[in-house]
Protein backbone atom coordinates (compact mmCIF):
# COMPACT_ATOMS: atom_id res chain seq x y z
CA MET A 1 -8.20 -94.64 -38.46
CA THR A 2 -9.02 -98.30 -37.65
CA HIS A 3 -12.31 -99.50 -39.09
CA PRO A 4 -14.40 -100.71 -35.64
CA VAL A 5 -15.49 -103.95 -37.58
CA ALA A 6 -12.21 -104.86 -38.77
CA THR A 7 -10.52 -104.16 -35.09
CA GLN A 8 -13.31 -106.84 -33.88
CA LEU A 9 -12.24 -109.08 -36.35
CA ALA A 10 -8.98 -109.00 -36.00
CA ALA A 11 -8.57 -109.23 -32.28
CA ALA A 12 -10.72 -112.94 -32.67
CA ALA A 13 -9.34 -114.55 -35.76
CA GLY A 14 -5.93 -113.53 -35.89
CA ARG A 15 -4.65 -109.98 -36.31
CA VAL A 16 -1.54 -110.39 -38.83
CA THR A 17 -3.66 -112.61 -41.29
CA LEU A 18 -7.14 -111.73 -40.99
CA GLY A 19 -5.89 -107.96 -41.18
CA VAL A 20 -4.97 -107.90 -44.90
CA TRP A 21 -8.16 -109.64 -45.96
CA ILE A 22 -9.95 -106.81 -44.38
CA ILE A 23 -7.77 -103.92 -45.72
CA VAL A 24 -8.40 -105.25 -49.03
CA GLY A 25 -12.31 -105.44 -48.78
CA LEU A 26 -12.36 -101.72 -47.32
CA VAL A 27 -10.40 -100.39 -50.04
CA ALA A 28 -12.55 -102.16 -52.54
CA GLY A 29 -16.14 -101.76 -51.00
CA GLY A 30 -16.36 -99.18 -48.11
CA ASP A 31 -17.54 -100.92 -45.01
CA SER A 32 -18.18 -104.45 -46.83
CA LEU A 33 -15.87 -107.53 -45.66
CA PRO A 34 -14.38 -109.61 -48.06
CA ALA A 35 -15.65 -113.08 -49.05
CA TRP A 36 -13.06 -115.05 -47.44
CA ALA A 37 -13.46 -113.23 -44.09
CA GLU A 38 -17.34 -113.83 -44.15
CA LYS A 39 -16.88 -117.69 -45.01
CA LYS A 40 -14.21 -118.24 -43.03
CA HIS A 41 -16.21 -117.31 -39.63
CA GLU A 42 -19.31 -119.93 -40.82
CA THR A 43 -19.28 -123.06 -38.43
CA GLY A 44 -20.35 -126.29 -39.33
CA LYS A 45 -19.25 -125.71 -43.10
CA ALA A 46 -17.91 -128.22 -44.47
CA PRO A 47 -15.11 -128.43 -47.11
CA SER A 48 -16.01 -128.29 -50.43
CA ALA A 49 -14.75 -130.36 -53.24
CA ALA A 50 -12.24 -127.98 -54.39
CA ALA A 51 -11.15 -128.02 -50.93
CA HIS A 52 -10.66 -131.65 -51.10
CA ALA A 53 -8.87 -131.93 -54.32
CA ALA A 54 -6.85 -129.08 -52.66
CA MET A 55 -5.92 -131.58 -49.62
CA ASP A 56 -5.58 -134.47 -51.85
CA TYR A 57 -3.26 -132.47 -53.69
CA VAL A 58 -1.00 -131.76 -50.90
CA ASN A 59 -0.96 -135.34 -49.74
CA ALA A 60 -0.18 -136.54 -53.16
CA VAL A 61 3.10 -134.59 -53.07
CA GLY A 62 4.00 -135.89 -49.60
CA ARG A 63 3.41 -139.48 -50.28
CA HIS A 64 5.05 -139.36 -54.10
CA ASP A 65 1.95 -140.63 -55.49
CA ALA A 66 2.35 -139.83 -59.06
CA GLU A 67 -0.73 -141.02 -60.60
CA GLN A 68 -3.08 -139.18 -57.96
CA PHE A 69 -0.65 -136.04 -58.78
CA ALA A 70 -0.91 -136.50 -62.29
CA GLN A 71 -5.22 -136.58 -61.78
CA LEU A 72 -4.80 -133.29 -60.01
CA ASP A 73 -2.07 -131.28 -61.46
CA PHE A 74 -2.95 -128.52 -63.76
CA ALA A 75 -0.14 -127.97 -65.56
CA CYS A 76 -0.04 -132.01 -66.01
CA LEU A 77 -2.95 -131.89 -67.12
CA TYR A 78 -3.17 -129.05 -69.42
CA GLU A 79 0.34 -130.18 -70.78
CA GLY A 80 -1.29 -134.16 -71.67
CA LEU A 81 -4.43 -132.59 -73.26
CA HIS A 82 -2.37 -129.93 -75.43
CA ALA A 83 0.85 -132.29 -76.79
CA SER A 84 0.22 -132.66 -80.24
CA GLN A 85 2.91 -135.11 -81.02
CA GLN A 86 3.23 -138.65 -78.92
CA ALA A 87 6.81 -137.51 -78.03
CA ALA A 88 5.22 -134.37 -76.23
CA ARG A 89 2.74 -136.90 -75.12
CA ALA A 90 5.22 -139.47 -73.25
CA SER A 91 6.99 -136.03 -71.81
CA THR A 92 3.41 -135.74 -69.54
CA THR A 93 2.81 -138.91 -68.58
CA THR A 94 1.76 -139.86 -65.29
CA ASN A 95 5.65 -140.52 -63.47
CA THR A 96 7.35 -137.46 -65.34
CA CYS A 97 4.83 -134.99 -63.84
CA LEU A 98 5.53 -135.81 -60.73
CA GLU A 99 9.32 -136.39 -61.53
CA GLN A 100 9.36 -132.19 -63.11
CA LEU A 101 9.15 -130.64 -59.80
CA GLY A 102 12.39 -132.82 -58.41
CA PRO A 103 14.78 -129.40 -59.84
CA ILE A 104 12.57 -126.91 -58.58
CA HIS A 105 12.17 -128.70 -54.77
CA ALA A 106 16.25 -129.57 -55.41
CA GLN A 107 16.66 -125.70 -54.97
CA ALA A 108 15.08 -125.64 -51.05
CA ILE A 109 17.43 -128.62 -50.46
CA GLN A 110 20.89 -128.38 -48.78
CA GLN A 111 23.47 -130.11 -50.76
CA LYS A 112 26.56 -128.92 -50.18
CA ALA A 113 28.25 -130.11 -46.63
CA ALA A 114 28.55 -127.61 -44.30
CA VAL A 115 30.43 -129.59 -41.40
CA MET A 116 30.37 -127.23 -38.76
CA HIS A 117 27.09 -125.63 -39.41
CA ALA A 118 25.36 -128.83 -40.88
CA GLN A 119 21.94 -129.53 -39.84
CA TRP A 120 20.45 -132.54 -39.01
CA PRO A 121 18.92 -134.51 -41.38
CA GLY A 122 21.86 -133.52 -43.44
CA HIS A 123 23.11 -132.25 -46.71
CA GLY A 124 20.71 -133.79 -49.74
CA ARG A 125 18.26 -134.01 -47.18
CA THR A 126 17.82 -130.99 -45.22
CA VAL A 127 14.94 -128.51 -46.26
CA PHE A 128 15.90 -125.10 -45.94
CA PHE A 129 14.10 -122.16 -47.36
CA SER A 130 16.95 -119.58 -47.81
CA ARG A 131 14.69 -117.37 -50.08
CA PRO A 132 11.48 -115.58 -48.98
CA LEU A 133 9.02 -118.30 -48.78
CA THR A 134 6.32 -116.81 -51.15
CA GLU A 135 8.83 -117.60 -53.87
CA TYR A 136 8.52 -121.21 -53.45
CA PRO A 137 5.83 -123.41 -55.67
CA VAL A 138 3.31 -124.80 -52.99
CA SER A 139 4.57 -128.45 -53.43
CA THR A 140 8.09 -127.52 -51.92
CA PHE A 141 6.54 -127.04 -48.55
CA VAL A 142 4.86 -130.77 -48.87
CA MET A 143 7.89 -132.36 -50.87
CA ASP A 144 8.12 -136.17 -50.29
CA LEU A 145 11.69 -135.56 -48.73
CA ILE A 146 9.47 -134.08 -45.83
CA GLY A 147 6.31 -136.45 -46.40
CA GLN A 148 8.15 -139.57 -46.33
CA ALA A 149 10.36 -141.18 -43.42
CA PRO A 150 13.27 -141.52 -43.00
CA PRO A 151 14.52 -138.60 -42.72
CA GLY A 152 11.11 -136.97 -42.39
CA SER A 153 8.18 -137.61 -40.02
CA GLY A 154 5.31 -136.09 -42.37
CA PHE A 155 3.23 -133.35 -41.47
CA ASP A 156 -0.42 -132.49 -40.87
CA VAL A 157 -3.13 -130.61 -42.97
CA GLN A 158 -5.55 -128.75 -41.61
CA TYR A 159 -8.45 -126.97 -43.70
CA VAL A 160 -8.99 -123.52 -42.73
CA GLY A 161 -11.43 -121.84 -45.19
CA GLU A 162 -11.88 -120.93 -48.85
CA ARG A 163 -13.30 -118.38 -51.21
CA THR A 164 -14.29 -117.92 -54.57
CA LEU A 165 -11.78 -116.13 -56.86
CA PRO A 166 -13.02 -114.79 -60.40
CA LYS A 167 -13.09 -117.29 -62.67
CA ALA A 168 -9.71 -118.27 -64.28
CA SER A 169 -9.24 -118.73 -68.31
CA PHE A 170 -6.81 -120.80 -70.62
CA PRO A 171 -6.71 -121.03 -74.52
CA ALA A 172 -8.90 -124.31 -75.29
CA LYS A 173 -7.26 -127.04 -77.01
CA ASP A 174 -7.71 -126.14 -80.63
CA GLY A 175 -6.58 -122.65 -80.12
CA SER A 176 -10.35 -121.31 -81.13
CA GLN A 177 -11.76 -119.91 -77.75
CA THR A 178 -10.75 -119.06 -74.50
CA ILE A 179 -12.22 -121.37 -71.60
CA LEU A 180 -13.70 -119.72 -68.42
CA VAL A 181 -13.91 -122.35 -65.26
CA PRO A 182 -14.88 -121.79 -61.60
CA THR A 183 -11.83 -120.91 -59.25
CA THR A 184 -11.58 -121.41 -55.39
CA LEU A 185 -8.47 -120.52 -53.27
CA VAL A 186 -8.33 -122.49 -50.18
CA ARG A 187 -6.14 -121.86 -47.16
CA LEU A 188 -4.72 -124.92 -45.66
CA THR A 189 -2.35 -125.64 -42.89
CA ILE A 190 0.79 -127.40 -42.86
CA SER A 191 2.05 -128.65 -39.72
CA TYR A 192 5.46 -130.95 -39.49
CA LYS A 193 5.52 -133.76 -36.91
CA ASP A 194 9.21 -133.43 -35.89
CA PRO A 195 11.44 -130.98 -35.09
CA LEU A 196 14.59 -132.83 -36.01
CA SER A 197 13.62 -133.28 -39.98
CA ALA A 198 11.06 -130.22 -39.99
CA PRO A 199 12.22 -127.53 -42.86
CA LEU A 200 14.44 -124.55 -41.90
CA ALA A 201 13.85 -120.80 -42.88
CA TYR A 202 15.48 -117.59 -41.32
CA ALA A 203 13.98 -116.21 -38.80
CA PRO A 204 11.37 -113.31 -39.26
CA GLY A 205 12.20 -109.69 -39.72
CA THR A 206 16.48 -110.88 -39.69
CA PHE A 207 18.37 -109.54 -42.23
CA GLN A 208 22.06 -110.45 -43.92
CA TRP A 209 23.94 -107.55 -42.72
CA THR A 210 27.22 -109.26 -43.93
CA SER A 211 28.54 -112.30 -45.44
CA THR A 212 30.13 -113.41 -42.77
CA VAL A 213 27.24 -113.28 -40.17
CA GLU A 214 25.22 -116.29 -39.80
CA ARG A 215 21.86 -115.19 -40.03
CA PRO A 216 19.25 -116.91 -37.25
CA ARG A 217 17.57 -119.65 -38.25
CA ILE A 218 14.23 -121.43 -37.43
CA ALA A 219 12.42 -124.76 -37.45
CA ILE A 220 9.20 -124.69 -38.86
CA ARG A 221 6.48 -126.23 -36.98
CA SER A 222 3.58 -124.90 -39.48
CA LEU A 223 2.61 -122.47 -42.19
CA SER A 224 -0.22 -121.88 -43.80
CA LEU A 225 -0.47 -122.13 -47.75
CA GLN A 226 -3.44 -121.21 -50.15
CA LEU A 227 -3.78 -122.69 -53.25
CA VAL A 228 -5.84 -121.79 -56.31
CA VAL A 229 -7.89 -124.95 -57.29
CA PHE A 230 -10.15 -124.96 -60.97
CA THR A 231 -13.09 -126.88 -61.15
CA GLY A 232 -15.87 -127.89 -63.82
CA LEU A 233 -12.67 -129.02 -66.17
CA SER A 234 -14.20 -132.20 -67.70
CA ARG A 235 -16.74 -130.40 -69.62
CA HIS A 236 -14.13 -129.28 -71.20
CA GLY A 237 -12.27 -132.71 -72.28
CA TYR A 238 -10.02 -133.07 -69.35
CA PRO A 239 -9.76 -136.25 -67.54
CA SER A 240 -10.57 -134.64 -64.36
CA ASP A 241 -12.83 -132.13 -63.15
CA THR A 242 -10.50 -130.65 -60.60
CA ALA A 243 -6.78 -129.52 -60.30
CA VAL A 244 -4.76 -127.46 -58.37
CA LEU A 245 -2.45 -124.52 -59.82
CA ASN A 246 0.68 -125.39 -58.35
CA ARG A 247 3.01 -123.47 -61.09
CA PRO A 248 1.68 -121.87 -64.35
CA VAL A 249 1.96 -123.47 -67.83
CA SER A 250 3.47 -120.33 -68.61
CA THR A 251 3.92 -116.79 -67.49
CA ILE A 252 3.92 -113.55 -69.24
CA GLU A 253 7.19 -112.65 -71.14
CA ARG A 254 8.48 -111.00 -73.90
CA THR A 255 9.81 -113.44 -76.74
CA ASP A 256 11.26 -112.29 -80.27
CA VAL A 257 7.42 -113.45 -81.84
CA GLY A 258 5.94 -111.10 -79.19
CA VAL A 259 4.42 -111.34 -75.86
CA GLN A 260 3.77 -114.87 -74.11
CA GLN A 261 0.87 -115.20 -72.56
CA ALA A 262 0.19 -116.23 -68.90
CA ILE A 263 -1.64 -119.82 -69.11
CA PRO A 264 -3.29 -119.94 -66.97
CA PHE A 265 -4.73 -116.54 -66.10
CA ALA A 266 -6.00 -116.22 -62.36
CA THR A 267 -6.37 -113.50 -59.81
CA GLU A 268 -4.41 -115.12 -57.43
CA SER A 269 -1.48 -117.47 -57.06
CA SER A 270 -0.91 -120.56 -55.07
CA GLY A 271 1.90 -120.39 -52.54
CA ALA A 272 2.83 -119.90 -48.37
CA VAL A 273 0.59 -117.19 -46.52
CA GLU A 274 2.95 -114.55 -45.75
CA GLN A 275 3.60 -113.83 -42.16
CA SER A 276 1.69 -117.55 -41.34
CA MET A 277 5.08 -119.40 -40.16
CA VAL A 278 5.02 -120.41 -36.90
CA ALA A 279 8.50 -122.02 -35.25
CA TRP A 280 9.04 -124.68 -33.08
CA GLN A 281 9.62 -123.81 -29.40
CA PRO A 282 11.64 -125.69 -26.32
CA GLN A 283 8.36 -126.39 -24.93
CA ASP A 284 6.84 -128.26 -27.78
CA MET A 285 9.35 -131.41 -27.37
CA PRO A 286 9.91 -132.28 -23.59
CA GLY A 287 12.91 -135.12 -23.62
CA LEU A 288 13.23 -135.20 -27.06
CA LEU A 289 16.01 -133.11 -27.27
CA ILE A 290 18.08 -134.82 -24.26
CA ALA A 291 17.55 -138.05 -26.53
CA ALA A 292 18.60 -136.56 -29.64
CA VAL A 293 21.96 -135.47 -27.86
CA ALA A 294 22.34 -139.01 -26.37
CA ARG A 295 21.55 -140.40 -30.04
CA SER A 296 24.34 -137.87 -31.70
CA GLN A 297 26.84 -139.81 -29.58
CA HIS A 298 26.39 -143.29 -31.83
CA PHE A 299 27.34 -141.83 -35.04
CA PRO A 300 30.58 -142.21 -36.35
CA GLU A 301 31.07 -139.09 -38.57
CA LEU A 302 31.64 -136.00 -37.16
CA GLU A 303 29.52 -134.07 -39.60
CA ASP A 304 26.59 -136.39 -38.57
CA ARG A 305 27.69 -135.94 -34.94
CA MET A 306 27.59 -131.82 -35.60
CA ALA A 307 23.97 -131.76 -37.63
CA MET A 308 22.39 -133.44 -34.66
CA LEU A 309 23.67 -131.08 -32.33
CA ASN A 310 23.31 -127.97 -34.51
CA ARG A 311 19.64 -128.99 -34.99
CA VAL A 312 18.90 -129.66 -31.09
CA LEU A 313 20.50 -125.92 -30.66
CA LEU A 314 18.82 -124.21 -33.32
CA LEU A 315 15.45 -125.50 -31.08
CA ASP A 316 16.68 -124.34 -28.11
CA PRO A 317 19.90 -122.62 -27.85
CA LYS A 318 20.48 -122.69 -24.45
CA GLN A 319 19.99 -126.74 -24.25
CA PRO A 320 22.37 -127.49 -21.59
CA GLU A 321 23.50 -131.39 -22.66
CA ALA A 322 24.01 -130.23 -26.40
CA LEU A 323 26.06 -127.48 -25.63
CA THR A 324 28.15 -129.31 -23.04
CA THR A 325 28.43 -132.21 -25.69
CA LEU A 326 29.68 -129.96 -28.66
CA SER A 327 31.77 -128.24 -26.22
CA ARG A 328 33.56 -131.45 -25.58
CA ASP A 329 33.87 -133.04 -28.83
CA LEU A 330 35.18 -129.66 -30.75
CA TYR A 331 37.60 -129.68 -27.74
CA VAL A 332 39.38 -132.88 -28.43
CA ARG A 333 38.89 -132.03 -31.94
CA VAL A 334 41.24 -129.08 -31.67
CA LEU A 335 43.87 -130.91 -29.99
CA ALA A 336 43.70 -133.56 -31.97
CA THR A 337 44.42 -130.99 -35.50
CA GLY A 338 46.79 -129.06 -37.28
CA ASP A 339 50.43 -128.31 -36.67
CA ALA A 340 50.43 -128.79 -32.89
CA ALA A 341 48.87 -131.85 -32.88
CA LEU A 342 50.27 -134.43 -30.33
CA PRO A 343 52.41 -137.28 -32.00
CA ARG A 344 52.42 -140.28 -30.18
CA VAL A 345 54.74 -139.92 -27.47
CA THR A 346 53.19 -141.43 -24.59
CA PRO A 347 50.34 -144.10 -24.20
CA ASP A 348 48.60 -142.34 -20.98
CA GLY A 349 45.73 -140.41 -21.92
CA SER A 350 46.21 -137.54 -19.77
CA MET A 351 49.81 -136.92 -20.16
CA ALA A 352 48.93 -136.65 -24.32
CA ARG A 353 46.54 -134.26 -23.58
CA ARG A 354 48.44 -131.78 -21.04
CA LEU A 355 51.28 -131.99 -23.91
CA ALA A 356 48.60 -131.25 -26.84
CA GLU A 357 47.55 -128.17 -24.36
CA LEU A 358 51.44 -126.98 -23.97
CA SER A 359 51.71 -127.32 -27.99
CA TRP A 360 48.83 -125.26 -28.55
CA ASN A 361 50.04 -122.54 -25.92
CA HIS A 362 52.88 -122.01 -27.77
CA TYR A 363 51.27 -122.00 -31.27
CA ALA A 364 48.62 -119.33 -29.89
CA GLN A 365 51.75 -116.99 -29.42
CA THR A 366 53.65 -117.87 -33.01
CA THR A 367 52.34 -119.15 -35.73
CA ARG A 368 48.67 -119.03 -35.30
CA MET A 369 47.87 -120.43 -38.76
CA ASP A 370 45.61 -123.14 -37.95
CA LEU A 371 44.10 -121.00 -35.50
CA SER A 372 43.30 -118.04 -37.85
CA LEU A 373 42.70 -119.57 -41.58
CA GLY A 374 39.26 -121.78 -41.65
CA MET A 375 38.12 -124.42 -44.16
CA ASP A 376 36.53 -122.08 -46.43
CA MET A 377 39.03 -119.19 -46.47
CA GLY A 378 41.88 -121.42 -46.94
CA GLY A 379 40.29 -123.59 -49.78
CA PHE A 380 40.75 -126.99 -47.37
CA ALA A 381 38.86 -130.29 -48.17
CA GLU A 382 38.24 -130.65 -44.57
CA PRO A 383 37.55 -128.44 -41.25
CA THR A 384 40.59 -126.59 -39.62
CA ALA A 385 41.15 -126.01 -35.88
CA ALA A 386 39.92 -122.33 -36.64
CA ASP A 387 36.88 -123.88 -38.10
CA TYR A 388 36.45 -126.09 -34.15
CA LEU A 389 37.58 -123.35 -32.41
CA TYR A 390 34.87 -120.54 -34.34
CA ARG A 391 32.13 -122.83 -33.35
CA MET A 392 33.55 -124.09 -29.95
CA ILE A 393 33.75 -120.60 -28.29
CA PRO A 394 30.00 -119.35 -28.76
CA ALA A 395 29.02 -123.27 -27.45
CA MET A 396 31.22 -122.45 -24.44
CA GLU A 397 30.10 -118.76 -23.98
CA MET A 398 26.54 -120.29 -23.83
CA LEU A 399 27.17 -122.80 -21.55
CA ALA A 400 28.89 -120.31 -19.03
CA GLU A 401 25.43 -118.59 -19.09
CA VAL A 402 23.47 -121.49 -18.60
CA ARG A 403 25.52 -123.16 -16.38
CA PRO A 404 28.20 -121.29 -14.32
CA MET A 405 28.86 -124.20 -12.04
CA ASN A 406 30.05 -126.15 -14.79
CA LEU A 407 33.96 -125.17 -13.93
CA ASP A 408 35.50 -127.25 -16.28
CA ASN A 409 33.31 -125.55 -19.24
CA ARG A 410 34.73 -121.89 -17.85
CA LEU A 411 38.29 -123.34 -17.40
CA TYR A 412 38.26 -124.73 -21.44
CA LEU A 413 36.60 -121.58 -22.36
CA GLY A 414 40.03 -119.28 -20.73
CA ILE A 415 42.06 -121.43 -22.96
CA ALA A 416 39.93 -120.86 -26.04
CA TYR A 417 39.99 -117.52 -25.39
CA ARG A 418 43.51 -117.65 -25.34
CA TRP A 419 44.02 -119.69 -28.31
CA ASN A 420 41.75 -117.67 -30.41
CA ASN A 421 44.03 -114.31 -29.17
CA ASP A 422 41.38 -112.90 -26.84
CA GLN A 423 44.20 -111.81 -24.18
CA LEU A 424 42.04 -110.17 -21.61
CA LYS A 425 38.81 -111.92 -21.85
CA ALA A 426 41.13 -115.51 -21.11
CA ILE A 427 42.78 -113.53 -18.27
CA ASP A 428 39.19 -112.22 -16.83
CA VAL A 429 37.50 -115.66 -17.24
CA HIS A 430 40.60 -117.36 -15.36
CA GLU A 431 40.60 -114.84 -12.48
CA THR A 432 36.94 -115.24 -12.38
CA LEU A 433 37.08 -119.02 -12.19
CA LEU A 434 40.06 -118.90 -9.12
CA ARG A 435 38.28 -116.37 -6.97
CA ASP A 436 34.94 -119.06 -7.34
CA LEU A 437 37.15 -122.16 -6.81
CA ALA A 438 38.13 -120.28 -3.27
CA HIS A 439 36.79 -123.29 -1.24
CA ALA A 440 37.60 -126.03 -3.71
CA ARG A 441 40.07 -128.77 -4.21
CA LYS A 442 43.71 -127.49 -3.97
CA ASP A 443 44.14 -129.71 -7.56
CA GLN A 444 41.38 -127.53 -8.67
CA GLN A 445 43.11 -124.13 -7.92
CA ALA A 446 45.95 -125.61 -8.55
CA ARG A 447 44.91 -126.16 -12.16
CA ALA A 448 43.07 -123.02 -12.56
CA LEU A 449 46.14 -120.84 -11.33
CA TYR A 450 48.39 -122.27 -13.91
CA GLU A 451 46.00 -121.73 -16.82
CA LEU A 452 45.67 -118.05 -15.43
CA ALA A 453 49.47 -118.20 -15.40
CA TRP A 454 49.25 -119.06 -19.33
CA SER A 455 46.72 -116.55 -20.07
CA ARG A 456 48.92 -114.03 -18.90
CA ILE A 457 52.14 -115.29 -20.32
CA ASN A 458 50.06 -115.49 -24.18
CA LYS A 459 49.55 -111.82 -23.73
CA ALA A 460 53.29 -110.88 -22.37
CA ALA A 461 54.54 -113.25 -25.52
CA TRP A 462 52.51 -111.52 -28.06
CA ASN A 463 52.55 -108.16 -27.32
CA ARG A 464 56.36 -108.06 -26.59
CA GLU A 465 55.93 -105.70 -23.93
CA ILE A 466 58.79 -105.00 -22.03
CA ASP A 467 58.53 -105.19 -18.60
CA ASP A 468 54.67 -106.59 -18.68
CA PRO A 469 53.98 -107.05 -14.85
CA ASP A 470 51.66 -110.05 -16.25
CA ILE A 471 54.70 -112.25 -16.43
CA HIS A 472 55.99 -111.36 -12.89
CA LYS A 473 52.40 -112.35 -12.12
CA ALA A 474 52.27 -115.51 -14.20
CA TYR A 475 55.55 -116.69 -12.22
CA ALA A 476 53.94 -116.48 -9.00
CA GLU A 477 50.69 -118.02 -9.96
CA ALA A 478 52.57 -121.39 -11.12
CA GLU A 479 54.95 -121.10 -8.42
CA LYS A 480 51.64 -121.32 -6.08
CA ALA A 481 49.88 -123.81 -8.23
CA HIS A 482 53.49 -126.22 -7.70
CA ALA A 483 53.08 -125.72 -3.59
CA LEU A 484 49.27 -126.26 -3.78
CA THR A 485 49.07 -129.68 -5.52
CA ALA A 486 50.38 -133.15 -4.58
CA ASP A 487 49.73 -134.64 -8.55
CA PRO A 488 52.80 -135.71 -10.13
CA LEU A 489 51.27 -134.68 -13.26
CA GLU A 490 50.49 -130.90 -12.10
CA ARG A 491 53.39 -130.32 -10.37
CA PHE A 492 55.46 -131.26 -13.74
CA LEU A 493 53.53 -128.58 -15.57
CA ALA A 494 53.18 -125.85 -12.77
CA ALA A 495 57.02 -126.28 -12.65
CA TYR A 496 57.33 -126.09 -16.46
CA THR A 497 55.04 -123.00 -16.56
CA MET A 498 57.80 -121.44 -14.33
CA ALA A 499 60.38 -122.14 -16.42
CA TYR A 500 58.52 -121.13 -19.65
CA SER A 501 57.14 -117.46 -17.88
CA GLN A 502 61.41 -116.85 -17.54
CA ILE A 503 61.17 -116.63 -21.35
CA PHE A 504 59.48 -113.07 -21.22
CA MET A 505 61.08 -111.87 -18.43
CA PRO A 506 62.95 -108.60 -19.05
CA GLN A 507 66.00 -109.55 -16.83
CA ARG A 508 66.04 -113.56 -17.33
CA ASP A 509 67.21 -115.60 -14.78
CA THR A 510 68.70 -118.72 -16.21
CA HIS A 511 69.97 -120.48 -13.33
CA LEU A 512 66.18 -119.80 -12.18
CA MET A 513 65.05 -121.63 -14.98
CA LEU A 514 67.07 -124.67 -15.36
CA ALA A 515 65.86 -125.23 -11.53
CA ASN A 516 62.26 -125.02 -12.50
CA LEU A 517 62.98 -127.19 -15.49
CA THR A 518 64.93 -129.96 -13.15
CA GLU A 519 62.47 -129.64 -10.84
CA ALA A 520 59.43 -130.30 -14.03
CA LYS A 521 61.50 -133.01 -15.01
CA ARG A 522 61.71 -134.76 -11.45
CA TRP A 523 58.07 -134.76 -11.12
CA PHE A 524 57.35 -135.71 -15.10
CA GLU A 525 59.31 -139.23 -14.25
CA LEU A 526 56.73 -139.73 -11.76
CA SER A 527 53.96 -139.39 -13.93
CA ALA A 528 51.99 -142.03 -15.67
CA GLY A 529 52.94 -142.68 -19.13
CA ALA A 530 56.10 -140.46 -18.83
CA THR A 531 58.91 -141.55 -21.74
CA PRO A 532 61.43 -139.58 -23.47
CA GLU A 533 59.99 -138.90 -26.20
CA ALA A 534 57.18 -137.30 -24.34
CA TRP A 535 59.66 -135.06 -22.35
CA GLN A 536 61.63 -134.23 -25.58
CA PHE A 537 58.32 -133.07 -27.03
CA ALA A 538 57.75 -131.00 -23.76
CA MET A 539 61.13 -129.41 -24.64
CA SER A 540 60.97 -128.93 -28.43
CA ARG A 541 58.59 -126.11 -28.01
CA GLU A 542 60.61 -123.38 -29.99
CA SER A 543 60.02 -120.43 -28.01
CA LEU A 544 61.62 -122.44 -24.97
CA LYS A 545 64.44 -124.83 -27.38
CA ALA A 546 66.00 -121.51 -28.87
CA VAL A 547 66.93 -120.74 -25.22
CA LEU A 548 67.73 -124.03 -24.38
CA ASP A 549 70.26 -124.16 -27.23
CA THR A 550 72.12 -121.33 -26.72
CA ASP A 551 73.00 -121.80 -23.06
CA PRO A 552 75.37 -124.80 -22.11
CA LYS A 553 74.08 -124.95 -18.62
CA PHE A 554 71.22 -126.71 -20.20
CA GLY A 555 73.15 -129.21 -21.44
CA PRO A 556 73.06 -131.98 -18.96
CA LEU A 557 69.68 -131.86 -19.07
CA LEU A 558 69.05 -132.02 -22.59
CA ALA A 559 71.75 -134.70 -22.49
CA ALA A 560 70.54 -137.31 -19.83
CA THR A 561 66.94 -137.30 -22.19
CA ASP A 562 69.06 -138.13 -25.50
CA GLU A 563 70.87 -140.81 -23.38
CA LYS A 564 67.23 -142.29 -22.52
CA GLN A 565 66.16 -141.80 -26.02
CA GLY A 566 69.60 -143.96 -27.24
């Protein structure tokens, strides 16, 4: 049964966080409310000296102010006061106190280059909490990497409330007695100013089901911290009267000489408040994401461009400009990568791109190594075509959902499915696209027709099914495409597709195949960028070449190419 007072307070002040305090109070003292709940609802109450010390502490960490940090950090003060040797004292000087947190903070900084899944501002600069937030020291959430610019643009600190804890204890300098000091638990809200450099964490409620599935991440907009603050230290010989407990001097451990005590001993610890994390939402940053996409295109390095686009899509997975830019860049990367990458056989960009697509069409039916083996799995130093393909397909799928009117994206999504050997998906995407192009320009319809034909060819070529009806449909669609368009390059490709489909016919018509290739050659020579080397590249695809080399009737066509090359 829910306590009526608890219900009212939960509705007024936040059901999740305050509800935790109320449960504790009811268990401990019947109907009485805990001190924090009572004090939190006081209005006009100024923060205490302990609260001001907590705020000064987090700002000192963010500014990398080693001097102020040393004056406010309990572990630094304790180790400095209790050091008996001069060398030991040197280890707790003003600068080294803050520097000792470096390796601890580094555990929350991405050090490994991620390339396809990189997040802006990049490895060595991106703060990512991969473990539960409660496992990190409170200083980690306000480290100088976040508080200084670049790359971080800082954070705001807001006082929430405080409550008195039982006195903390720790040994005196000479060990003759145990010191008790007043202790306060101060709660602050940390708000990160820039969503592009804000720390990352796994989305609440998500789990790691398999090692190959990326868990959803969020960019943190704000979270609450609780800081344990000691006061009254100066009367015990400490140089400062107030100090924050960020990390203990020692914890309870079993050693060779017995049990090591916890220093200090307190009933609470500093850290992140559970379930207090708030994520950045797309509506929180109007205009910023579009500007970030434009900015990404000025970065010379691929990883930096990917990192910025990935950050934008982390903040808004449906951001159309980022999806468009990412899909386009990755498609171009696939064409230029791997065994099927196009050699420089033509000065014309359009011709080069179409020949590269033909090469990947063939490669996807045969070897497939570069389309299957990723960077990590293969142990490569650079991303492979598979890495680009696997990252490109989800972006194209989301863009097709967000902007179905982007017909180019749907065309290339079908091609990407084909290269990924998703045969039925490739055919379905191109069939749907063709229906939507019923009233479009003829050259658009022609491109969709012969790309649909290639998707059907891929299915027949990979499965090696005898008399697959899709191969006959492919020929008919390529033939229709050839009749629709007047563009020489498009007519060359349509005729080439007709000839290529004959390879997988159960009763191959080599005379018709020769006629198709002759027609393809005629239109090829009328296309911009036509060179003997480019024609030879198109003829040297392994499946096609195996047929041409074994039938003498193709000799004159190939000989003419060889003469021009000579």
